[in-house]
Amino acid sequence: MTCDRCGGLSVAMHFIGDHTWEYDGWLCMNCGNVIDPLILTNRDVQANGALGSMALKGMRPARGEVGPGRSVRLARP
């Protein structure tokens, strides 16, 4: 399989973490990108607009961005 992110080689993997979770997915040998059925489902749902805006749900956007209507105070040196 080809990696969606970098075009490198992705191989099927079985991931296990602390014996509390495990899943099957694809791991890119070049960039380390991981794809699994849950990631694909969430991307599909978001692409089709089923989730709606995160701001409407009161959730914060990714990467710490501040949503509209929220004031931000910058610390002065």
PDB file of N, CA and C in Angstrom:
ATOM      1  N   MET A   1       0.857  -1.178   0.000  1.00  0.00           N
ATOM      2  CA  MET A   1       0.000   0.000   0.000  1.00  0.00           C
ATOM      3  C   MET A   1       0.900   1.237   0.000  1.00  0.00           C
ATOM      4  N   THR A   2       0.428   2.282  -0.637  1.00  0.00           N
ATOM      5  CA  THR A   2       1.163   3.539  -0.704  1.00  0.00           C
ATOM      6  C   THR A   2       0.655   4.499   0.374  1.00  0.00           C
ATOM      7  N   CYS A   3       1.580   5.180   1.042  1.00  0.00           N
ATOM      8  CA  CYS A   3       1.236   6.138   2.095  1.00  0.00           C
ATOM      9  C   CYS A   3       0.526   7.350   1.493  1.00  0.00           C
ATOM     10  N   ASP A   4      -0.577   7.766   2.121  1.00  0.00           N
ATOM     11  CA  ASP A   4      -1.320   8.955   1.674  1.00  0.00           C
ATOM     12  C   ASP A   4      -0.538  10.231   1.917  1.00  0.00           C
ATOM     13  N   ARG A   5       0.305  10.247   2.927  1.00  0.00           N
ATOM     14  CA  ARG A   5       1.032  11.456   3.305  1.00  0.00           C
ATOM     15  C   ARG A   5       2.268  11.692   2.434  1.00  0.00           C
ATOM     16  N   CYS A   6       3.133  10.664   2.298  1.00  0.00           N
ATOM     17  CA  CYS A   6       4.417  10.880   1.617  1.00  0.00           C
ATOM     18  C   CYS A   6       4.610  10.039   0.363  1.00  0.00           C
ATOM     19  N   GLY A   7       3.706   9.100   0.100  1.00  0.00           N
ATOM     20  CA  GLY A   7       3.839   8.233  -1.059  1.00  0.00           C
ATOM     21  C   GLY A   7       4.777   7.060  -0.834  1.00  0.00           C
ATOM     22  N   GLY A   8       5.267   6.886   0.389  1.00  0.00           N
ATOM     23  CA  GLY A   8       6.180   5.787   0.716  1.00  0.00           C
ATOM     24  C   GLY A   8       5.445   4.467   0.879  1.00  0.00           C
ATOM     25  N   LEU A   9       6.185   3.448   1.273  1.00  0.00           N
ATOM     26  CA  LEU A   9       5.641   2.109   1.459  1.00  0.00           C
ATOM     27  C   LEU A   9       4.963   1.984   2.817  1.00  0.00           C
ATOM     28  N   SER A  10       3.686   1.580   2.822  1.00  0.00           N
ATOM     29  CA  SER A  10       2.967   1.301   4.060  1.00  0.00           C
ATOM     30  C   SER A  10       2.776  -0.206   4.177  1.00  0.00           C
ATOM     31  N   VAL A  11       3.000  -0.723   5.366  1.00  0.00           N
ATOM     32  CA  VAL A  11       2.862  -2.150   5.602  1.00  0.00           C
ATOM     33  C   VAL A  11       1.790  -2.401   6.661  1.00  0.00           C
ATOM     34  N   ALA A  12       1.118  -3.555   6.558  1.00  0.00           N
ATOM     35  CA  ALA A  12       0.107  -3.935   7.535  1.00  0.00           C
ATOM     36  C   ALA A  12       0.787  -4.248   8.857  1.00  0.00           C
ATOM     37  N   MET A  13       0.229  -3.713   9.938  1.00  0.00           N
ATOM     38  CA  MET A  13       0.808  -3.912  11.272  1.00  0.00           C
ATOM     39  C   MET A  13      -0.301  -4.227  12.266  1.00  0.00           C
ATOM     40  N   HIS A  14       0.069  -4.899  13.340  1.00  0.00           N
ATOM     41  CA  HIS A  14      -0.823  -5.125  14.478  1.00  0.00           C
ATOM     42  C   HIS A  14      -0.228  -4.341  15.637  1.00  0.00           C
ATOM     43  N   PHE A  15      -0.948  -3.335  16.108  1.00  0.00           N
ATOM     44  CA  PHE A  15      -0.458  -2.458  17.171  1.00  0.00           C
ATOM     45  C   PHE A  15      -1.009  -2.917  18.513  1.00  0.00           C
ATOM     46  N   ILE A  16      -0.152  -2.959  19.529  1.00  0.00           N
ATOM     47  CA  ILE A  16      -0.552  -3.335  20.886  1.00  0.00           C
ATOM     48  C   ILE A  16       0.040  -2.318  21.842  1.00  0.00           C
ATOM     49  N   GLY A  17      -0.776  -1.820  22.771  1.00  0.00           N
ATOM     50  CA  GLY A  17      -0.282  -0.844  23.733  1.00  0.00           C
ATOM     51  C   GLY A  17      -0.663  -1.201  25.148  1.00  0.00           C
ATOM     52  N   ASP A  18       0.313  -1.441  25.995  1.00  0.00           N
ATOM     53  CA  ASP A  18       0.110  -1.707  27.427  1.00  0.00           C
ATOM     54  C   ASP A  18      -0.928  -2.792  27.709  1.00  0.00           C
ATOM     55  N   HIS A  19      -1.128  -3.682  26.786  1.00  0.00           N
ATOM     56  CA  HIS A  19      -2.078  -4.788  26.921  1.00  0.00           C
ATOM     57  C   HIS A  19      -3.511  -4.310  27.167  1.00  0.00           C
ATOM     58  N   THR A  20      -3.787  -3.018  26.953  1.00  0.00           N
ATOM     59  CA  THR A  20      -5.141  -2.504  27.159  1.00  0.00           C
ATOM     60  C   THR A  20      -5.849  -2.216  25.846  1.00  0.00           C
ATOM     61  N   TRP A  21      -5.104  -2.056  24.772  1.00  0.00           N
ATOM     62  CA  TRP A  21      -5.714  -1.825  23.471  1.00  0.00           C
ATOM     63  C   TRP A  21      -4.849  -2.455  22.387  1.00  0.00           C
ATOM     64  N   GLU A  22      -5.502  -2.833  21.300  1.00  0.00           N
ATOM     65  CA  GLU A  22      -4.789  -3.340  20.141  1.00  0.00           C
ATOM     66  C   GLU A  22      -5.662  -3.156  18.911  1.00  0.00           C
ATOM     67  N   TYR A  23      -5.024  -2.974  17.774  1.00  0.00           N
ATOM     68  CA  TYR A  23      -5.754  -2.798  16.524  1.00  0.00           C
ATOM     69  C   TYR A  23      -4.836  -3.091  15.352  1.00  0.00           C
ATOM     70  N   ASP A  24      -5.449  -3.323  14.208  1.00  0.00           N
ATOM     71  CA  ASP A  24      -4.713  -3.536  12.973  1.00  0.00           C
ATOM     72  C   ASP A  24      -4.760  -2.261  12.158  1.00  0.00           C
ATOM     73  N   GLY A  25      -3.678  -1.963  11.480  1.00  0.00           N
ATOM     74  CA  GLY A  25      -3.624  -0.762  10.660  1.00  0.00           C
ATOM     75  C   GLY A  25      -2.463  -0.828   9.692  1.00  0.00           C
ATOM     76  N   TRP A  26      -2.137   0.316   9.123  1.00  0.00           N
ATOM     77  CA  TRP A  26      -1.038   0.439   8.173  1.00  0.00           C
ATOM     78  C   TRP A  26      -0.024   1.432   8.726  1.00  0.00           C
ATOM     79  N   LEU A  27       1.260   1.106   8.647  1.00  0.00           N
ATOM     80  CA  LEU A  27       2.336   1.962   9.122  1.00  0.00           C
ATOM     81  C   LEU A  27       3.258   2.271   7.948  1.00  0.00           C
ATOM     82  N   CYS A  28       3.497   3.557   7.694  1.00  0.00           N
ATOM     83  CA  CYS A  28       4.413   3.956   6.632  1.00  0.00           C
ATOM     84  C   CYS A  28       5.847   3.772   7.104  1.00  0.00           C
ATOM     85  N   MET A  29       6.629   3.070   6.323  1.00  0.00           N
ATOM     86  CA  MET A  29       8.018   2.820   6.680  1.00  0.00           C
ATOM     87  C   MET A  29       8.886   4.052   6.451  1.00  0.00           C
ATOM     88  N   ASN A  30       8.374   5.027   5.706  1.00  0.00           N
ATOM     89  CA  ASN A  30       9.139   6.225   5.399  1.00  0.00           C
ATOM     90  C   ASN A  30       8.896   7.342   6.425  1.00  0.00           C
ATOM     91  N   CYS A  31       7.629   7.727   6.614  1.00  0.00           N
ATOM     92  CA  CYS A  31       7.328   8.874   7.481  1.00  0.00           C
ATOM     93  C   CYS A  31       6.685   8.497   8.820  1.00  0.00           C
ATOM     94  N   GLY A  32       6.261   7.234   8.999  1.00  0.00           N
ATOM     95  CA  GLY A  32       5.671   6.803  10.253  1.00  0.00           C
ATOM     96  C   GLY A  32       4.175   7.045  10.370  1.00  0.00           C
ATOM     97  N   ASN A  33       3.535   7.489   9.294  1.00  0.00           N
ATOM     98  CA  ASN A  33       2.097   7.728   9.298  1.00  0.00           C
ATOM     99  C   ASN A  33       1.351   6.429   9.595  1.00  0.00           C
ATOM    100  N   VAL A  34       0.341   6.492  10.471  1.00  0.00           N
ATOM    101  CA  VAL A  34      -0.460   5.324  10.822  1.00  0.00           C
ATOM    102  C   VAL A  34      -1.882   5.549  10.338  1.00  0.00           C
ATOM    103  N   ILE A  35      -2.432   4.556   9.676  1.00  0.00           N
ATOM    104  CA  ILE A  35      -3.824   4.581   9.220  1.00  0.00           C
ATOM    105  C   ILE A  35      -4.493   3.318   9.737  1.00  0.00           C
ATOM    106  N   ASP A  36      -5.679   3.469  10.325  1.00  0.00           N
ATOM    107  CA  ASP A  36      -6.455   2.313  10.764  1.00  0.00           C
ATOM    108  C   ASP A  36      -7.918   2.551  10.412  1.00  0.00           C
ATOM    109  N   PRO A  37      -8.783   1.554  10.584  1.00  0.00           N
ATOM    110  CA  PRO A  37     -10.190   1.716  10.205  1.00  0.00           C
ATOM    111  C   PRO A  37     -10.891   2.887  10.909  1.00  0.00           C
ATOM    112  N   LEU A  38     -10.558   3.153  12.172  1.00  0.00           N
ATOM    113  CA  LEU A  38     -11.193   4.265  12.888  1.00  0.00           C
ATOM    114  C   LEU A  38     -10.775   5.608  12.298  1.00  0.00           C
ATOM    115  N   ILE A  39      -9.501   5.761  11.973  1.00  0.00           N
ATOM    116  CA  ILE A  39      -9.025   6.995  11.344  1.00  0.00           C
ATOM    117  C   ILE A  39      -9.726   7.204  10.013  1.00  0.00           C
ATOM    118  N   LEU A  40      -9.828   6.145   9.198  1.00  0.00           N
ATOM    119  CA  LEU A  40     -10.495   6.263   7.900  1.00  0.00           C
ATOM    120  C   LEU A  40     -11.974   6.625   8.057  1.00  0.00           C
ATOM    121  N   THR A  41     -12.638   6.023   9.044  1.00  0.00           N
ATOM    122  CA  THR A  41     -14.054   6.336   9.295  1.00  0.00           C
ATOM    123  C   THR A  41     -14.218   7.789   9.710  1.00  0.00           C
ATOM    124  N   ASN A  42     -13.378   8.278  10.627  1.00  0.00           N
ATOM    125  CA  ASN A  42     -13.479   9.662  11.088  1.00  0.00           C
ATOM    126  C   ASN A  42     -13.197  10.652   9.965  1.00  0.00           C
ATOM    127  N   ARG A  43     -12.224  10.355   9.121  1.00  0.00           N
ATOM    128  CA  ARG A  43     -11.933  11.237   7.987  1.00  0.00           C
ATOM    129  C   ARG A  43     -13.101  11.281   7.019  1.00  0.00           C
ATOM    130  N   ASP A  44     -13.726  10.130   6.784  1.00  0.00           N
ATOM    131  CA  ASP A  44     -14.865  10.079   5.880  1.00  0.00           C
ATOM    132  C   ASP A  44     -16.043  10.873   6.435  1.00  0.00           C
ATOM    133  N   VAL A  45     -16.295  10.731   7.723  1.00  0.00           N
ATOM    134  CA  VAL A  45     -17.407  11.453   8.357  1.00  0.00           C
ATOM    135  C   VAL A  45     -17.158  12.961   8.289  1.00  0.00           C
ATOM    136  N   GLN A  46     -15.939  13.397   8.568  1.00  0.00           N
ATOM    137  CA  GLN A  46     -15.625  14.821   8.520  1.00  0.00           C
ATOM    138  C   GLN A  46     -15.713  15.365   7.098  1.00  0.00           C
ATOM    139  N   ALA A  47     -15.252  14.589   6.124  1.00  0.00           N
ATOM    140  CA  ALA A  47     -15.279  15.037   4.732  1.00  0.00           C
ATOM    141  C   ALA A  47     -16.704  15.204   4.225  1.00  0.00           C
ATOM    142  N   ASN A  48     -17.625  14.413   4.752  1.00  0.00           N
ATOM    143  CA  ASN A  48     -19.013  14.490   4.315  1.00  0.00           C
ATOM    144  C   ASN A  48     -19.858  15.419   5.177  1.00  0.00           C
ATOM    145  N   GLY A  49     -19.252  16.091   6.122  1.00  0.00           N
ATOM    146  CA  GLY A  49     -19.949  17.107   6.908  1.00  0.00           C
ATOM    147  C   GLY A  49     -20.886  16.581   7.976  1.00  0.00           C
ATOM    148  N   ALA A  50     -20.803  15.316   8.313  1.00  0.00           N
ATOM    149  CA  ALA A  50     -21.743  14.753   9.283  1.00  0.00           C
ATOM    150  C   ALA A  50     -21.479  15.237  10.701  1.00  0.00           C
ATOM    151  N   LEU A  51     -20.245  15.604  11.009  1.00  0.00           N
ATOM    152  CA  LEU A  51     -19.931  16.030  12.373  1.00  0.00           C
ATOM    153  C   LEU A  51     -20.288  17.480  12.648  1.00  0.00           C
ATOM    154  N   GLY A  52     -20.331  18.308  11.620  1.00  0.00           N
ATOM    155  CA  GLY A  52     -20.595  19.717  11.818  1.00  0.00           C
ATOM    156  C   GLY A  52     -19.382  20.433  12.370  1.00  0.00           C
ATOM    157  N   SER A  53     -19.547  21.673  12.702  1.00  0.00           N
ATOM    158  CA  SER A  53     -18.442  22.488  13.186  1.00  0.00           C
ATOM    159  C   SER A  53     -18.077  22.116  14.615  1.00  0.00           C
ATOM    160  N   MET A  54     -16.780  22.071  14.875  1.00  0.00           N
ATOM    161  CA  MET A  54     -16.330  21.799  16.238  1.00  0.00           C
ATOM    162  C   MET A  54     -16.742  22.933  17.171  1.00  0.00           C
ATOM    163  N   ALA A  55     -16.765  24.167  16.661  1.00  0.00           N
ATOM    164  CA  ALA A  55     -17.135  25.312  17.484  1.00  0.00           C
ATOM    165  C   ALA A  55     -18.579  25.183  17.972  1.00  0.00           C
ATOM    166  N   LEU A  56     -19.453  24.617  17.145  1.00  0.00           N
ATOM    167  CA  LEU A  56     -20.850  24.441  17.547  1.00  0.00           C
ATOM    168  C   LEU A  56     -20.975  23.447  18.697  1.00  0.00           C
ATOM    169  N   LYS A  57     -20.020  22.544  18.808  1.00  0.00           N
ATOM    170  CA  LYS A  57     -20.037  21.551  19.872  1.00  0.00           C
ATOM    171  C   LYS A  57     -19.247  22.029  21.095  1.00  0.00           C
ATOM    172  N   GLY A  58     -18.681  23.250  21.023  1.00  0.00           N
ATOM    173  CA  GLY A  58     -17.918  23.781  22.134  1.00  0.00           C
ATOM    174  C   GLY A  58     -16.533  23.184  22.260  1.00  0.00           C
ATOM    175  N   MET A  59     -16.047  22.570  21.171  1.00  0.00           N
ATOM    176  CA  MET A  59     -14.723  21.958  21.208  1.00  0.00           C
ATOM    177  C   MET A  59     -13.698  22.899  20.597  1.00  0.00           C
ATOM    178  N   ARG A  60     -12.480  22.744  21.036  1.00  0.00           N
ATOM    179  CA  ARG A  60     -11.381  23.573  20.555  1.00  0.00           C
ATOM    180  C   ARG A  60     -10.779  22.956  19.292  1.00  0.00           C
ATOM    181  N   PRO A  61     -10.471  23.775  18.303  1.00  0.00           N
ATOM    182  CA  PRO A  61      -9.830  23.258  17.093  1.00  0.00           C
ATOM    183  C   PRO A  61      -8.461  22.657  17.390  1.00  0.00           C
ATOM    184  N   ALA A  62      -7.978  21.847  16.467  1.00  0.00           N
ATOM    185  CA  ALA A  62      -6.679  21.201  16.627  1.00  0.00           C
ATOM    186  C   ALA A  62      -5.551  22.229  16.672  1.00  0.00           C
ATOM    187  N   ARG A  63      -4.425  21.823  17.181  1.00  0.00           N
ATOM    188  CA  ARG A  63      -3.199  22.612  17.258  1.00  0.00           C
ATOM    189  C   ARG A  63      -3.332  23.838  18.151  1.00  0.00           C
ATOM    190  N   GLY A  64      -4.265  23.839  19.093  1.00  0.00           N
ATOM    191  CA  GLY A  64      -4.361  24.910  20.063  1.00  0.00           C
ATOM    192  C   GLY A  64      -4.875  26.231  19.531  1.00  0.00           C
ATOM    193  N   GLU A  65      -5.457  26.216  18.337  1.00  0.00           N
ATOM    194  CA  GLU A  65      -5.999  27.456  17.788  1.00  0.00           C
ATOM    195  C   GLU A  65      -7.175  27.903  18.644  1.00  0.00           C
ATOM    196  N   VAL A  66      -7.385  29.181  18.715  1.00  0.00           N
ATOM    197  CA  VAL A  66      -8.476  29.720  19.508  1.00  0.00           C
ATOM    198  C   VAL A  66      -9.655  29.995  18.590  1.00  0.00           C
ATOM    199  N   GLY A  67     -10.800  29.469  18.946  1.00  0.00           N
ATOM    200  CA  GLY A  67     -11.986  29.655  18.131  1.00  0.00           C
ATOM    201  C   GLY A  67     -12.515  31.071  18.219  1.00  0.00           C
ATOM    202  N   PRO A  68     -13.430  31.433  17.328  1.00  0.00           N
ATOM    203  CA  PRO A  68     -14.002  32.777  17.336  1.00  0.00           C
ATOM    204  C   PRO A  68     -14.781  33.041  18.623  1.00  0.00           C
ATOM    205  N   GLY A  69     -14.739  34.276  19.063  1.00  0.00           N
ATOM    206  CA  GLY A  69     -15.490  34.654  20.248  1.00  0.00           C
ATOM    207  C   GLY A  69     -14.737  34.438  21.552  1.00  0.00           C
ATOM    208  N   ARG A  70     -13.516  33.992  21.469  1.00  0.00           N
ATOM    209  CA  ARG A  70     -12.719  33.774  22.667  1.00  0.00           C
ATOM    210  C   ARG A  70     -11.629  34.823  22.746  1.00  0.00           C
ATOM    211  N   SER A  71     -11.529  35.483  23.856  1.00  0.00           N
ATOM    212  CA  SER A  71     -10.480  36.508  23.970  1.00  0.00           C
ATOM    213  C   SER A  71      -9.167  35.855  24.375  1.00  0.00           C
ATOM    214  N   VAL A  72      -8.106  36.434  23.895  1.00  0.00           N
ATOM    215  CA  VAL A  72      -6.766  35.929  24.195  1.00  0.00           C
ATOM    216  C   VAL A  72      -5.933  37.060  24.744  1.00  0.00           C
ATOM    217  N   ARG A  73      -5.330  36.848  25.871  1.00  0.00           N
ATOM    218  CA  ARG A  73      -4.434  37.857  26.442  1.00  0.00           C
ATOM    219  C   ARG A  73      -3.004  37.409  26.219  1.00  0.00           C
ATOM    220  N   LEU A  74      -2.224  38.278  25.669  1.00  0.00           N
ATOM    221  CA  LEU A  74      -0.817  37.969  25.454  1.00  0.00           C
ATOM    222  C   LEU A  74      -0.010  38.509  26.620  1.00  0.00           C
ATOM    223  N   ALA A  75       0.890  37.693  27.120  1.00  0.00           N
ATOM    224  CA  ALA A  75       1.758  38.132  28.221  1.00  0.00           C
ATOM    225  C   ALA A  75       2.780  39.098  27.682  1.00  0.00           C
ATOM    226  N   ARG A  76       2.971  40.206  28.390  1.00  0.00           N
ATOM    227  CA  ARG A  76       3.970  41.185  27.973  1.00  0.00           C
ATOM    228  C   ARG A  76       5.264  40.932  28.713  1.00  0.00           C
ATOM    229  N   PRO A  77       6.385  40.996  27.981  1.00  0.00           N
ATOM    230  CA  PRO A  77       7.679  40.740  28.648  1.00  0.00           C
ATOM    231  C   PRO A  77       8.077  41.830  29.608  1.00  0.00           C
TER     232      PRO A  77
END
